[in-house]
Amino acid sequence: MRQWIDDFLAYLFEKKHYSHNTIAAYRNDLLQFEKFLRSWSRRPVSDWNDVDSETLQAYLESISGSDYAPSTVARKVAALKSFFGFLSESGVVTGNPASGLEAPPVRKLLPQVLTDEEIKRLLEAPGTASSPKAIRDRALLELLYSTGMKASEIIGLRLSDLDMERGVIICGGPSGASRVIPLNGSARQKLAEYISSGRPMLLKGEDDGTLFLNHRGRKLTRQGLWLIIKSYARIAGIERKVTPHALRHSFAAHQLSRGVSLRDVQRLLGHANISTTQVYTHLIDGKTAGEGGDGGN
């Protein structure tokens, strides 16, 4: 049974281009379900073809009284439906016992968006010092906000992804597709300063072409990026939680408020469906700015 879980996860990565985080979550969900099947007191199951709708409902009932949030249960249901769809298409099971599963309703929070004033204070937080760290952080914060790139995209950038002459970044997507993101004047200037004056001071040993480096001369990590933003948010006097995704949300909402079309914002963010981008239309009047959670779009 375990082999089919591994095959499914490989399919999600190689064919569907799911993110590593989603695949890791689905792995945990399916292994949890497999453990339930082997220990189910009513009828232990050792073959996927023996799983029926009653089995699935029993599993969902077993976790319904837990501390799982509705969004987590909804993801577990999605994992099961996707997995059994895969097994059905592969001929492992006859029919799809998970086709009728329903996830609990999940209340969607509006994305957290910083105000223009908060963004101004955040971008000014690194100050004007000439240390390599300050030069790097000015470029880093400016790039995060002015492009709307994800944290994983920012830390994955390489020097070869920049076209400073044209003033654009070539940002690769998880499916191998890429998008061209223009740099505004401030981002272009701060990046040029970082590349010429900041990065060479941070670089230690062989240069692998990674754009943003930490103090050890290695690729900046996701955790390192979060700590940098958290530190400057505190310096800027922003009391609520500020994350890389909050800057992405702010970029989207502010672009729309300045008259950029929904289609153009969709393209800049790399959203596959425009419905994902449309959530920001609820924020452009500023009335809900700062409310909601830190979504993952």
C-alpha atoms as a PDB file:
ATOM      1  CA  MET A   1       0.000   0.000   0.000  1.00  0.00           C
ATOM      2  CA  ARG A   2       2.829   2.354   0.835  1.00  0.00           C
ATOM      3  CA  GLN A   3       4.271   2.050  -2.666  1.00  0.00           C
ATOM      4  CA  TRP A   4       1.131   3.517  -4.213  1.00  0.00           C
ATOM      5  CA  ILE A   5       1.364   6.515  -1.869  1.00  0.00           C
ATOM      6  CA  ASP A   6       4.948   7.061  -3.015  1.00  0.00           C
ATOM      7  CA  ASP A   7       3.915   6.704  -6.658  1.00  0.00           C
ATOM      8  CA  PHE A   8       1.106   9.218  -6.165  1.00  0.00           C
ATOM      9  CA  LEU A   9       3.403  11.769  -4.523  1.00  0.00           C
ATOM     10  CA  ALA A  10       5.927  11.337  -7.343  1.00  0.00           C
ATOM     11  CA  TYR A  11       3.092  11.943  -9.815  1.00  0.00           C
ATOM     12  CA  LEU A  12       2.108  15.160  -8.028  1.00  0.00           C
ATOM     13  CA  PHE A  13       5.683  16.415  -8.199  1.00  0.00           C
ATOM     14  CA  GLU A  14       6.648  15.320 -11.697  1.00  0.00           C
ATOM     15  CA  LYS A  15       3.364  15.685 -13.586  1.00  0.00           C
ATOM     16  CA  LYS A  16       1.222  18.111 -11.604  1.00  0.00           C
ATOM     17  CA  HIS A  17       4.123  20.248 -10.329  1.00  0.00           C
ATOM     18  CA  TYR A  18       2.772  20.567  -6.788  1.00  0.00           C
ATOM     19  CA  SER A  19       4.919  22.476  -4.321  1.00  0.00           C
ATOM     20  CA  HIS A  20       7.166  20.631  -1.862  1.00  0.00           C
ATOM     21  CA  ASN A  21       5.066  21.907   1.042  1.00  0.00           C
ATOM     22  CA  THR A  22       1.830  20.547  -0.427  1.00  0.00           C
ATOM     23  CA  ILE A  23       3.424  17.193  -1.210  1.00  0.00           C
ATOM     24  CA  ALA A  24       4.795  16.950   2.339  1.00  0.00           C
ATOM     25  CA  ALA A  25       1.346  17.715   3.754  1.00  0.00           C
ATOM     26  CA  TYR A  26      -0.328  15.138   1.491  1.00  0.00           C
ATOM     27  CA  ARG A  27       2.292  12.567   2.503  1.00  0.00           C
ATOM     28  CA  ASN A  28       1.467  13.068   6.190  1.00  0.00           C
ATOM     29  CA  ASP A  29      -2.270  12.946   5.467  1.00  0.00           C
ATOM     30  CA  LEU A  30      -2.094   9.708   3.491  1.00  0.00           C
ATOM     31  CA  LEU A  31       0.272   7.992   5.917  1.00  0.00           C
ATOM     32  CA  GLN A  32      -2.122   8.918   8.712  1.00  0.00           C
ATOM     33  CA  PHE A  33      -4.961   7.378   6.737  1.00  0.00           C
ATOM     34  CA  GLU A  34      -2.938   4.227   6.006  1.00  0.00           C
ATOM     35  CA  LYS A  35      -2.184   3.864   9.720  1.00  0.00           C
ATOM     36  CA  PHE A  36      -5.909   4.153  10.452  1.00  0.00           C
ATOM     37  CA  LEU A  37      -6.690   1.414   7.907  1.00  0.00           C
ATOM     38  CA  ARG A  38      -4.239  -1.018   9.461  1.00  0.00           C
ATOM     39  CA  SER A  39      -5.540  -0.434  12.991  1.00  0.00           C
ATOM     40  CA  TRP A  40      -9.255   0.035  12.309  1.00  0.00           C
ATOM     41  CA  SER A  41     -10.986  -2.137  14.911  1.00  0.00           C
ATOM     42  CA  ARG A  42     -14.040  -2.797  12.758  1.00  0.00           C
ATOM     43  CA  ARG A  43     -12.202  -4.170   9.757  1.00  0.00           C
ATOM     44  CA  PRO A  44      -8.444  -3.770   9.281  1.00  0.00           C
ATOM     45  CA  VAL A  45      -7.657  -3.024   5.624  1.00  0.00           C
ATOM     46  CA  SER A  46      -4.481  -4.078   3.828  1.00  0.00           C
ATOM     47  CA  ASP A  47      -5.434  -3.415   0.195  1.00  0.00           C
ATOM     48  CA  TRP A  48      -6.575  -0.159  -1.427  1.00  0.00           C
ATOM     49  CA  ASN A  49      -9.292  -1.968  -3.331  1.00  0.00           C
ATOM     50  CA  ASP A  50     -10.937  -2.875  -0.005  1.00  0.00           C
ATOM     51  CA  VAL A  51     -11.491   0.777   0.930  1.00  0.00           C
ATOM     52  CA  ASP A  52     -15.107   1.867   0.485  1.00  0.00           C
ATOM     53  CA  SER A  53     -17.115   4.971   1.336  1.00  0.00           C
ATOM     54  CA  GLU A  54     -17.955   3.534   4.767  1.00  0.00           C
ATOM     55  CA  THR A  55     -14.248   3.188   5.529  1.00  0.00           C
ATOM     56  CA  LEU A  56     -13.576   6.767   4.496  1.00  0.00           C
ATOM     57  CA  GLN A  57     -16.450   8.116   6.580  1.00  0.00           C
ATOM     58  CA  ALA A  58     -15.207   6.171   9.598  1.00  0.00           C
ATOM     59  CA  TYR A  59     -11.787   7.744   9.171  1.00  0.00           C
ATOM     60  CA  LEU A  60     -13.226  11.256   8.930  1.00  0.00           C
ATOM     61  CA  GLU A  61     -15.310  10.616  12.034  1.00  0.00           C
ATOM     62  CA  SER A  62     -12.166   9.500  13.849  1.00  0.00           C
ATOM     63  CA  ILE A  63     -10.506  12.863  13.250  1.00  0.00           C
ATOM     64  CA  SER A  64     -13.603  15.054  13.516  1.00  0.00           C
ATOM     65  CA  GLY A  65     -13.333  15.233  17.280  1.00  0.00           C
ATOM     66  CA  SER A  66      -9.681  16.214  17.177  1.00  0.00           C
ATOM     67  CA  ASP A  67      -8.147  19.663  17.370  1.00  0.00           C
ATOM     68  CA  TYR A  68      -7.729  19.884  13.598  1.00  0.00           C
ATOM     69  CA  ALA A  69      -8.869  23.165  12.077  1.00  0.00           C
ATOM     70  CA  PRO A  70     -11.547  22.908   9.377  1.00  0.00           C
ATOM     71  CA  SER A  71      -8.943  23.949   6.804  1.00  0.00           C
ATOM     72  CA  THR A  72      -6.729  21.004   7.822  1.00  0.00           C
ATOM     73  CA  VAL A  73      -9.603  18.536   7.582  1.00  0.00           C
ATOM     74  CA  ALA A  74     -10.497  20.028   4.199  1.00  0.00           C
ATOM     75  CA  ARG A  75      -6.940  19.416   3.016  1.00  0.00           C
ATOM     76  CA  LYS A  76      -7.054  15.809   4.233  1.00  0.00           C
ATOM     77  CA  VAL A  77     -10.280  15.293   2.286  1.00  0.00           C
ATOM     78  CA  ALA A  78      -8.664  16.851  -0.804  1.00  0.00           C
ATOM     79  CA  ALA A  79      -5.676  14.530  -0.412  1.00  0.00           C
ATOM     80  CA  LEU A  80      -7.931  11.465  -0.226  1.00  0.00           C
ATOM     81  CA  LYS A  81     -10.030  12.500  -3.229  1.00  0.00           C
ATOM     82  CA  SER A  82      -6.972  13.209  -5.313  1.00  0.00           C
ATOM     83  CA  PHE A  83      -5.253   9.985  -4.221  1.00  0.00           C
ATOM     84  CA  PHE A  84      -8.223   7.729  -4.976  1.00  0.00           C
ATOM     85  CA  GLY A  85      -8.748   9.506  -8.280  1.00  0.00           C
ATOM     86  CA  PHE A  86      -5.155   8.585  -9.090  1.00  0.00           C
ATOM     87  CA  LEU A  87      -5.690   4.968  -7.995  1.00  0.00           C
ATOM     88  CA  SER A  88      -8.860   4.744 -10.092  1.00  0.00           C
ATOM     89  CA  GLU A  89      -7.171   6.106 -13.203  1.00  0.00           C
ATOM     90  CA  SER A  90      -4.268   3.710 -12.617  1.00  0.00           C
ATOM     91  CA  GLY A  91      -6.626   0.736 -12.422  1.00  0.00           C
ATOM     92  CA  VAL A  92      -5.689  -0.068  -8.840  1.00  0.00           C
ATOM     93  CA  VAL A  93      -9.241   0.366  -7.568  1.00  0.00           C
ATOM     94  CA  THR A  94     -12.577  -0.045  -9.285  1.00  0.00           C
ATOM     95  CA  GLY A  95     -14.490   3.184  -8.957  1.00  0.00           C
ATOM     96  CA  ASN A  96     -13.572   6.038  -6.647  1.00  0.00           C
ATOM     97  CA  PRO A  97     -14.885   5.635  -3.082  1.00  0.00           C
ATOM     98  CA  ALA A  98     -13.742   9.185  -2.240  1.00  0.00           C
ATOM     99  CA  SER A  99     -15.710  10.933  -4.986  1.00  0.00           C
ATOM    100  CA  GLY A 100     -18.599  11.738  -2.669  1.00  0.00           C
ATOM    101  CA  LEU A 101     -16.533  13.029   0.256  1.00  0.00           C
ATOM    102  CA  GLU A 102     -17.385  16.523   1.424  1.00  0.00           C
ATOM    103  CA  ALA A 103     -14.974  18.772   3.290  1.00  0.00           C
ATOM    104  CA  PRO A 104     -16.115  20.999   6.165  1.00  0.00           C
ATOM    105  CA  PRO A 105     -16.769  24.624   5.200  1.00  0.00           C
ATOM    106  CA  VAL A 106     -13.692  26.812   5.553  1.00  0.00           C
ATOM    107  CA  ARG A 107     -14.041  30.495   6.259  1.00  0.00           C
ATOM    108  CA  LYS A 108     -11.703  32.346   3.954  1.00  0.00           C
ATOM    109  CA  LEU A 109      -9.922  35.305   5.481  1.00  0.00           C
ATOM    110  CA  LEU A 110      -9.061  38.334   3.445  1.00  0.00           C
ATOM    111  CA  PRO A 111      -5.317  38.731   2.924  1.00  0.00           C
ATOM    112  CA  GLN A 112      -3.407  40.997   5.278  1.00  0.00           C
ATOM    113  CA  VAL A 113      -2.392  44.197   3.524  1.00  0.00           C
ATOM    114  CA  LEU A 114      -0.081  46.883   4.862  1.00  0.00           C
ATOM    115  CA  THR A 115      -0.970  50.530   4.429  1.00  0.00           C
ATOM    116  CA  ASP A 116       1.105  52.822   2.234  1.00  0.00           C
ATOM    117  CA  GLU A 117       2.491  54.467   5.364  1.00  0.00           C
ATOM    118  CA  GLU A 118       3.507  51.140   6.890  1.00  0.00           C
ATOM    119  CA  ILE A 119       5.217  50.108   3.651  1.00  0.00           C
ATOM    120  CA  LYS A 120       7.105  53.421   3.601  1.00  0.00           C
ATOM    121  CA  ARG A 121       8.332  52.927   7.169  1.00  0.00           C
ATOM    122  CA  LEU A 122       9.305  49.309   6.488  1.00  0.00           C
ATOM    123  CA  LEU A 123      11.340  50.143   3.387  1.00  0.00           C
ATOM    124  CA  GLU A 124      13.114  52.918   5.258  1.00  0.00           C
ATOM    125  CA  ALA A 125      13.867  50.717   8.304  1.00  0.00           C
ATOM    126  CA  PRO A 126      17.323  49.489   7.117  1.00  0.00           C
ATOM    127  CA  GLY A 127      18.472  53.127   7.132  1.00  0.00           C
ATOM    128  CA  THR A 128      21.273  54.530   5.007  1.00  0.00           C
ATOM    129  CA  ALA A 129      24.226  52.601   6.455  1.00  0.00           C
ATOM    130  CA  SER A 130      26.856  51.348   4.014  1.00  0.00           C
ATOM    131  CA  SER A 131      27.296  47.927   5.629  1.00  0.00           C
ATOM    132  CA  PRO A 132      26.783  44.965   3.274  1.00  0.00           C
ATOM    133  CA  LYS A 133      23.845  43.774   5.397  1.00  0.00           C
ATOM    134  CA  ALA A 134      22.055  47.129   5.204  1.00  0.00           C
ATOM    135  CA  ILE A 135      22.668  47.348   1.447  1.00  0.00           C
ATOM    136  CA  ARG A 136      21.335  43.801   0.994  1.00  0.00           C
ATOM    137  CA  ASP A 137      18.280  44.379   3.149  1.00  0.00           C
ATOM    138  CA  ARG A 138      17.320  47.594   1.366  1.00  0.00           C
ATOM    139  CA  ALA A 139      17.366  45.702  -1.940  1.00  0.00           C
ATOM    140  CA  LEU A 140      15.601  42.687  -0.431  1.00  0.00           C
ATOM    141  CA  LEU A 141      12.675  44.614   1.055  1.00  0.00           C
ATOM    142  CA  GLU A 142      12.283  46.788  -2.014  1.00  0.00           C
ATOM    143  CA  LEU A 143      12.237  43.757  -4.285  1.00  0.00           C
ATOM    144  CA  LEU A 144       9.715  41.871  -2.146  1.00  0.00           C
ATOM    145  CA  TYR A 145       7.240  44.720  -2.156  1.00  0.00           C
ATOM    146  CA  SER A 146       7.740  46.118  -5.656  1.00  0.00           C
ATOM    147  CA  THR A 147       7.506  42.758  -7.471  1.00  0.00           C
ATOM    148  CA  GLY A 148       5.080  40.722  -5.339  1.00  0.00           C
ATOM    149  CA  MET A 149       7.349  37.696  -5.560  1.00  0.00           C
ATOM    150  CA  LYS A 150       6.977  34.822  -3.121  1.00  0.00           C
ATOM    151  CA  ALA A 151       9.588  34.154  -0.447  1.00  0.00           C
ATOM    152  CA  SER A 152      10.704  30.967  -2.236  1.00  0.00           C
ATOM    153  CA  GLU A 153      11.098  32.914  -5.484  1.00  0.00           C
ATOM    154  CA  ILE A 154      13.135  35.671  -3.852  1.00  0.00           C
ATOM    155  CA  ILE A 155      15.587  33.377  -2.087  1.00  0.00           C
ATOM    156  CA  GLY A 156      15.851  31.237  -5.224  1.00  0.00           C
ATOM    157  CA  LEU A 157      16.908  34.146  -7.437  1.00  0.00           C
ATOM    158  CA  ARG A 158      20.219  33.940  -9.233  1.00  0.00           C
ATOM    159  CA  LEU A 159      22.296  36.683 -10.820  1.00  0.00           C
ATOM    160  CA  SER A 160      21.453  35.193 -14.198  1.00  0.00           C
ATOM    161  CA  ASP A 161      17.743  35.876 -13.539  1.00  0.00           C
ATOM    162  CA  LEU A 162      18.372  39.625 -13.620  1.00  0.00           C
ATOM    163  CA  ASP A 163      18.470  41.756 -16.736  1.00  0.00           C
ATOM    164  CA  MET A 164      19.557  45.083 -15.314  1.00  0.00           C
ATOM    165  CA  GLU A 165      19.848  46.662 -18.738  1.00  0.00           C
ATOM    166  CA  ARG A 166      16.185  45.995 -19.507  1.00  0.00           C
ATOM    167  CA  GLY A 167      15.189  46.435 -15.865  1.00  0.00           C
ATOM    168  CA  VAL A 168      13.420  43.074 -15.487  1.00  0.00           C
ATOM    169  CA  ILE A 169      13.613  39.837 -13.507  1.00  0.00           C
ATOM    170  CA  ILE A 170      12.959  36.437 -15.069  1.00  0.00           C
ATOM    171  CA  CYS A 171      11.087  34.556 -12.368  1.00  0.00           C
ATOM    172  CA  GLY A 172      10.751  30.809 -12.841  1.00  0.00           C
ATOM    173  CA  GLY A 173       7.566  29.055 -11.759  1.00  0.00           C
ATOM    174  CA  PRO A 174       7.074  25.558 -10.236  1.00  0.00           C
ATOM    175  CA  SER A 175       5.859  24.151 -13.556  1.00  0.00           C
ATOM    176  CA  GLY A 176       8.913  25.349 -15.433  1.00  0.00           C
ATOM    177  CA  ALA A 177       7.071  28.371 -16.843  1.00  0.00           C
ATOM    178  CA  SER A 178       8.561  31.775 -16.152  1.00  0.00           C
ATOM    179  CA  ARG A 179       7.269  35.317 -16.011  1.00  0.00           C
ATOM    180  CA  VAL A 180       8.958  38.619 -16.684  1.00  0.00           C
ATOM    181  CA  ILE A 181       8.623  41.100 -13.814  1.00  0.00           C
ATOM    182  CA  PRO A 182       9.591  44.733 -14.359  1.00  0.00           C
ATOM    183  CA  LEU A 183      11.726  46.565 -11.806  1.00  0.00           C
ATOM    184  CA  ASN A 184      10.784  50.058 -10.759  1.00  0.00           C
ATOM    185  CA  GLY A 185      13.471  52.699 -10.498  1.00  0.00           C
ATOM    186  CA  SER A 186      14.008  52.301  -6.762  1.00  0.00           C
ATOM    187  CA  ALA A 187      14.308  48.503  -6.916  1.00  0.00           C
ATOM    188  CA  ARG A 188      16.671  48.751  -9.861  1.00  0.00           C
ATOM    189  CA  GLN A 189      18.901  51.242  -8.056  1.00  0.00           C
ATOM    190  CA  LYS A 190      19.003  49.300  -4.793  1.00  0.00           C
ATOM    191  CA  LEU A 191      19.702  46.017  -6.594  1.00  0.00           C
ATOM    192  CA  ALA A 192      22.545  47.609  -8.554  1.00  0.00           C
ATOM    193  CA  GLU A 193      24.045  48.919  -5.315  1.00  0.00           C
ATOM    194  CA  TYR A 194      23.734  45.512  -3.675  1.00  0.00           C
ATOM    195  CA  ILE A 195      25.318  43.666  -6.610  1.00  0.00           C
ATOM    196  CA  SER A 196      28.238  46.086  -6.854  1.00  0.00           C
ATOM    197  CA  SER A 197      28.870  46.911  -3.192  1.00  0.00           C
ATOM    198  CA  GLY A 198      26.942  44.603  -0.860  1.00  0.00           C
ATOM    199  CA  ARG A 199      27.092  41.134  -2.340  1.00  0.00           C
ATOM    200  CA  PRO A 200      30.873  41.086  -2.955  1.00  0.00           C
ATOM    201  CA  MET A 201      31.387  41.831   0.753  1.00  0.00           C
ATOM    202  CA  LEU A 202      29.086  38.973   1.772  1.00  0.00           C
ATOM    203  CA  LEU A 203      30.525  36.468  -0.668  1.00  0.00           C
ATOM    204  CA  LYS A 204      32.863  33.887   0.850  1.00  0.00           C
ATOM    205  CA  GLY A 205      34.463  31.123  -1.148  1.00  0.00           C
ATOM    206  CA  GLU A 206      33.166  29.963  -4.515  1.00  0.00           C
ATOM    207  CA  ASP A 207      30.403  31.998  -6.144  1.00  0.00           C
ATOM    208  CA  ASP A 208      27.459  29.784  -7.158  1.00  0.00           C
ATOM    209  CA  GLY A 209      25.459  32.693  -8.583  1.00  0.00           C
ATOM    210  CA  THR A 210      22.848  32.933  -5.818  1.00  0.00           C
ATOM    211  CA  LEU A 211      21.639  36.527  -5.590  1.00  0.00           C
ATOM    212  CA  PHE A 212      20.859  36.998  -1.901  1.00  0.00           C
ATOM    213  CA  LEU A 213      23.467  35.752   0.557  1.00  0.00           C
ATOM    214  CA  ASN A 214      23.525  35.547   4.331  1.00  0.00           C
ATOM    215  CA  HIS A 215      26.383  36.696   6.561  1.00  0.00           C
ATOM    216  CA  ARG A 216      28.159  33.367   6.004  1.00  0.00           C
ATOM    217  CA  GLY A 217      28.169  33.874   2.257  1.00  0.00           C
ATOM    218  CA  ARG A 218      25.579  31.175   1.682  1.00  0.00           C
ATOM    219  CA  LYS A 219      22.126  31.257   0.130  1.00  0.00           C
ATOM    220  CA  LEU A 220      19.636  33.134   2.278  1.00  0.00           C
ATOM    221  CA  THR A 221      17.131  30.725   3.805  1.00  0.00           C
ATOM    222  CA  ARG A 222      13.369  31.111   4.151  1.00  0.00           C
ATOM    223  CA  GLN A 223      13.744  31.356   7.917  1.00  0.00           C
ATOM    224  CA  GLY A 224      16.466  33.966   7.522  1.00  0.00           C
ATOM    225  CA  LEU A 225      14.212  36.033   5.272  1.00  0.00           C
ATOM    226  CA  TRP A 226      11.348  35.880   7.777  1.00  0.00           C
ATOM    227  CA  LEU A 227      13.651  37.007  10.598  1.00  0.00           C
ATOM    228  CA  ILE A 228      14.906  39.947   8.526  1.00  0.00           C
ATOM    229  CA  ILE A 229      11.370  41.140   7.811  1.00  0.00           C
ATOM    230  CA  LYS A 230      10.293  40.614  11.417  1.00  0.00           C
ATOM    231  CA  SER A 231      13.250  42.668  12.652  1.00  0.00           C
ATOM    232  CA  TYR A 232      12.573  45.606  10.346  1.00  0.00           C
ATOM    233  CA  ALA A 233       8.837  45.508  11.033  1.00  0.00           C
ATOM    234  CA  ARG A 234       9.678  45.980  14.701  1.00  0.00           C
ATOM    235  CA  ILE A 235      12.049  48.847  13.894  1.00  0.00           C
ATOM    236  CA  ALA A 236       9.323  50.404  11.721  1.00  0.00           C
ATOM    237  CA  GLY A 237       6.887  50.248  14.631  1.00  0.00           C
ATOM    238  CA  ILE A 238       4.479  47.880  12.884  1.00  0.00           C
ATOM    239  CA  GLU A 239       2.860  45.942  15.703  1.00  0.00           C
ATOM    240  CA  ARG A 240       0.984  43.326  13.712  1.00  0.00           C
ATOM    241  CA  LYS A 241       2.609  40.323  12.061  1.00  0.00           C
ATOM    242  CA  VAL A 242       4.468  41.102   8.845  1.00  0.00           C
ATOM    243  CA  THR A 243       5.491  38.209   6.583  1.00  0.00           C
ATOM    244  CA  PRO A 244       6.848  37.912   3.041  1.00  0.00           C
ATOM    245  CA  HIS A 245       3.338  37.032   1.912  1.00  0.00           C
ATOM    246  CA  ALA A 246       1.939  40.166   3.554  1.00  0.00           C
ATOM    247  CA  LEU A 247       4.223  42.147   1.239  1.00  0.00           C
ATOM    248  CA  ARG A 248       3.010  40.110  -1.743  1.00  0.00           C
ATOM    249  CA  HIS A 249      -0.597  40.810  -0.777  1.00  0.00           C
ATOM    250  CA  SER A 250       0.196  44.494  -0.301  1.00  0.00           C
ATOM    251  CA  PHE A 251       1.812  44.681  -3.730  1.00  0.00           C
ATOM    252  CA  ALA A 252      -1.277  43.190  -5.368  1.00  0.00           C
ATOM    253  CA  ALA A 253      -3.802  45.379  -3.571  1.00  0.00           C
ATOM    254  CA  HIS A 254      -1.777  48.555  -4.081  1.00  0.00           C
ATOM    255  CA  GLN A 255      -1.265  47.822  -7.786  1.00  0.00           C
ATOM    256  CA  LEU A 256      -5.011  47.468  -8.279  1.00  0.00           C
ATOM    257  CA  SER A 257      -5.691  50.631  -6.302  1.00  0.00           C
ATOM    258  CA  ARG A 258      -3.355  52.495  -8.672  1.00  0.00           C
ATOM    259  CA  GLY A 259      -5.289  51.393 -11.716  1.00  0.00           C
ATOM    260  CA  VAL A 260      -3.300  48.365 -12.880  1.00  0.00           C
ATOM    261  CA  SER A 261      -5.657  45.880 -14.521  1.00  0.00           C
ATOM    262  CA  LEU A 262      -6.652  42.642 -12.825  1.00  0.00           C
ATOM    263  CA  ARG A 263      -5.151  40.649 -15.703  1.00  0.00           C
ATOM    264  CA  ASP A 264      -1.816  42.436 -15.382  1.00  0.00           C
ATOM    265  CA  VAL A 265      -1.693  41.829 -11.633  1.00  0.00           C
ATOM    266  CA  GLN A 266      -2.554  38.176 -12.236  1.00  0.00           C
ATOM    267  CA  ARG A 267       0.353  37.927 -14.661  1.00  0.00           C
ATOM    268  CA  LEU A 268       2.785  39.659 -12.304  1.00  0.00           C
ATOM    269  CA  LEU A 269       1.836  37.361  -9.420  1.00  0.00           C
ATOM    270  CA  GLY A 270       1.902  34.239 -11.581  1.00  0.00           C
ATOM    271  CA  HIS A 271      -1.616  33.156 -10.608  1.00  0.00           C
ATOM    272  CA  ALA A 272      -2.978  30.385 -12.814  1.00  0.00           C
ATOM    273  CA  ASN A 273      -6.592  31.464 -12.238  1.00  0.00           C
ATOM    274  CA  ILE A 274      -7.834  35.041 -12.157  1.00  0.00           C
ATOM    275  CA  SER A 275     -10.268  34.111  -9.372  1.00  0.00           C
ATOM    276  CA  THR A 276      -7.244  33.904  -7.061  1.00  0.00           C
ATOM    277  CA  THR A 277      -6.336  37.492  -7.928  1.00  0.00           C
ATOM    278  CA  GLN A 278      -9.880  38.786  -7.615  1.00  0.00           C
ATOM    279  CA  VAL A 279      -9.778  38.566  -3.800  1.00  0.00           C
ATOM    280  CA  TYR A 280      -7.685  41.739  -3.813  1.00  0.00           C
ATOM    281  CA  THR A 281     -10.515  43.735  -5.362  1.00  0.00           C
ATOM    282  CA  HIS A 282     -12.170  43.635  -1.927  1.00  0.00           C
ATOM    283  CA  LEU A 283      -9.208  45.479  -0.442  1.00  0.00           C
ATOM    284  CA  ILE A 284      -8.485  48.287  -2.858  1.00  0.00           C
ATOM    285  CA  ASP A 285     -10.725  50.829  -1.140  1.00  0.00           C
ATOM    286  CA  GLY A 286      -8.567  50.447   1.972  1.00  0.00           C
ATOM    287  CA  LYS A 287     -11.496  49.679   4.252  1.00  0.00           C
ATOM    288  CA  THR A 288     -10.337  46.129   4.982  1.00  0.00           C
ATOM    289  CA  ALA A 289      -6.588  46.760   4.823  1.00  0.00           C
ATOM    290  CA  GLY A 290      -4.820  45.126   7.709  1.00  0.00           C
ATOM    291  CA  GLU A 291      -7.601  42.643   8.420  1.00  0.00           C
ATOM    292  CA  GLY A 292      -7.631  38.937   7.758  1.00  0.00           C
ATOM    293  CA  GLY A 293      -4.950  36.314   7.690  1.00  0.00           C
ATOM    294  CA  ASP A 294      -1.775  35.535   5.842  1.00  0.00           C
ATOM    295  CA  GLY A 295      -2.996  33.420   2.942  1.00  0.00           C
ATOM    296  CA  GLY A 296      -0.819  31.433   0.614  1.00  0.00           C
ATOM    297  CA  ASN A 297      -1.639  32.691  -2.875  1.00  0.00           C
END
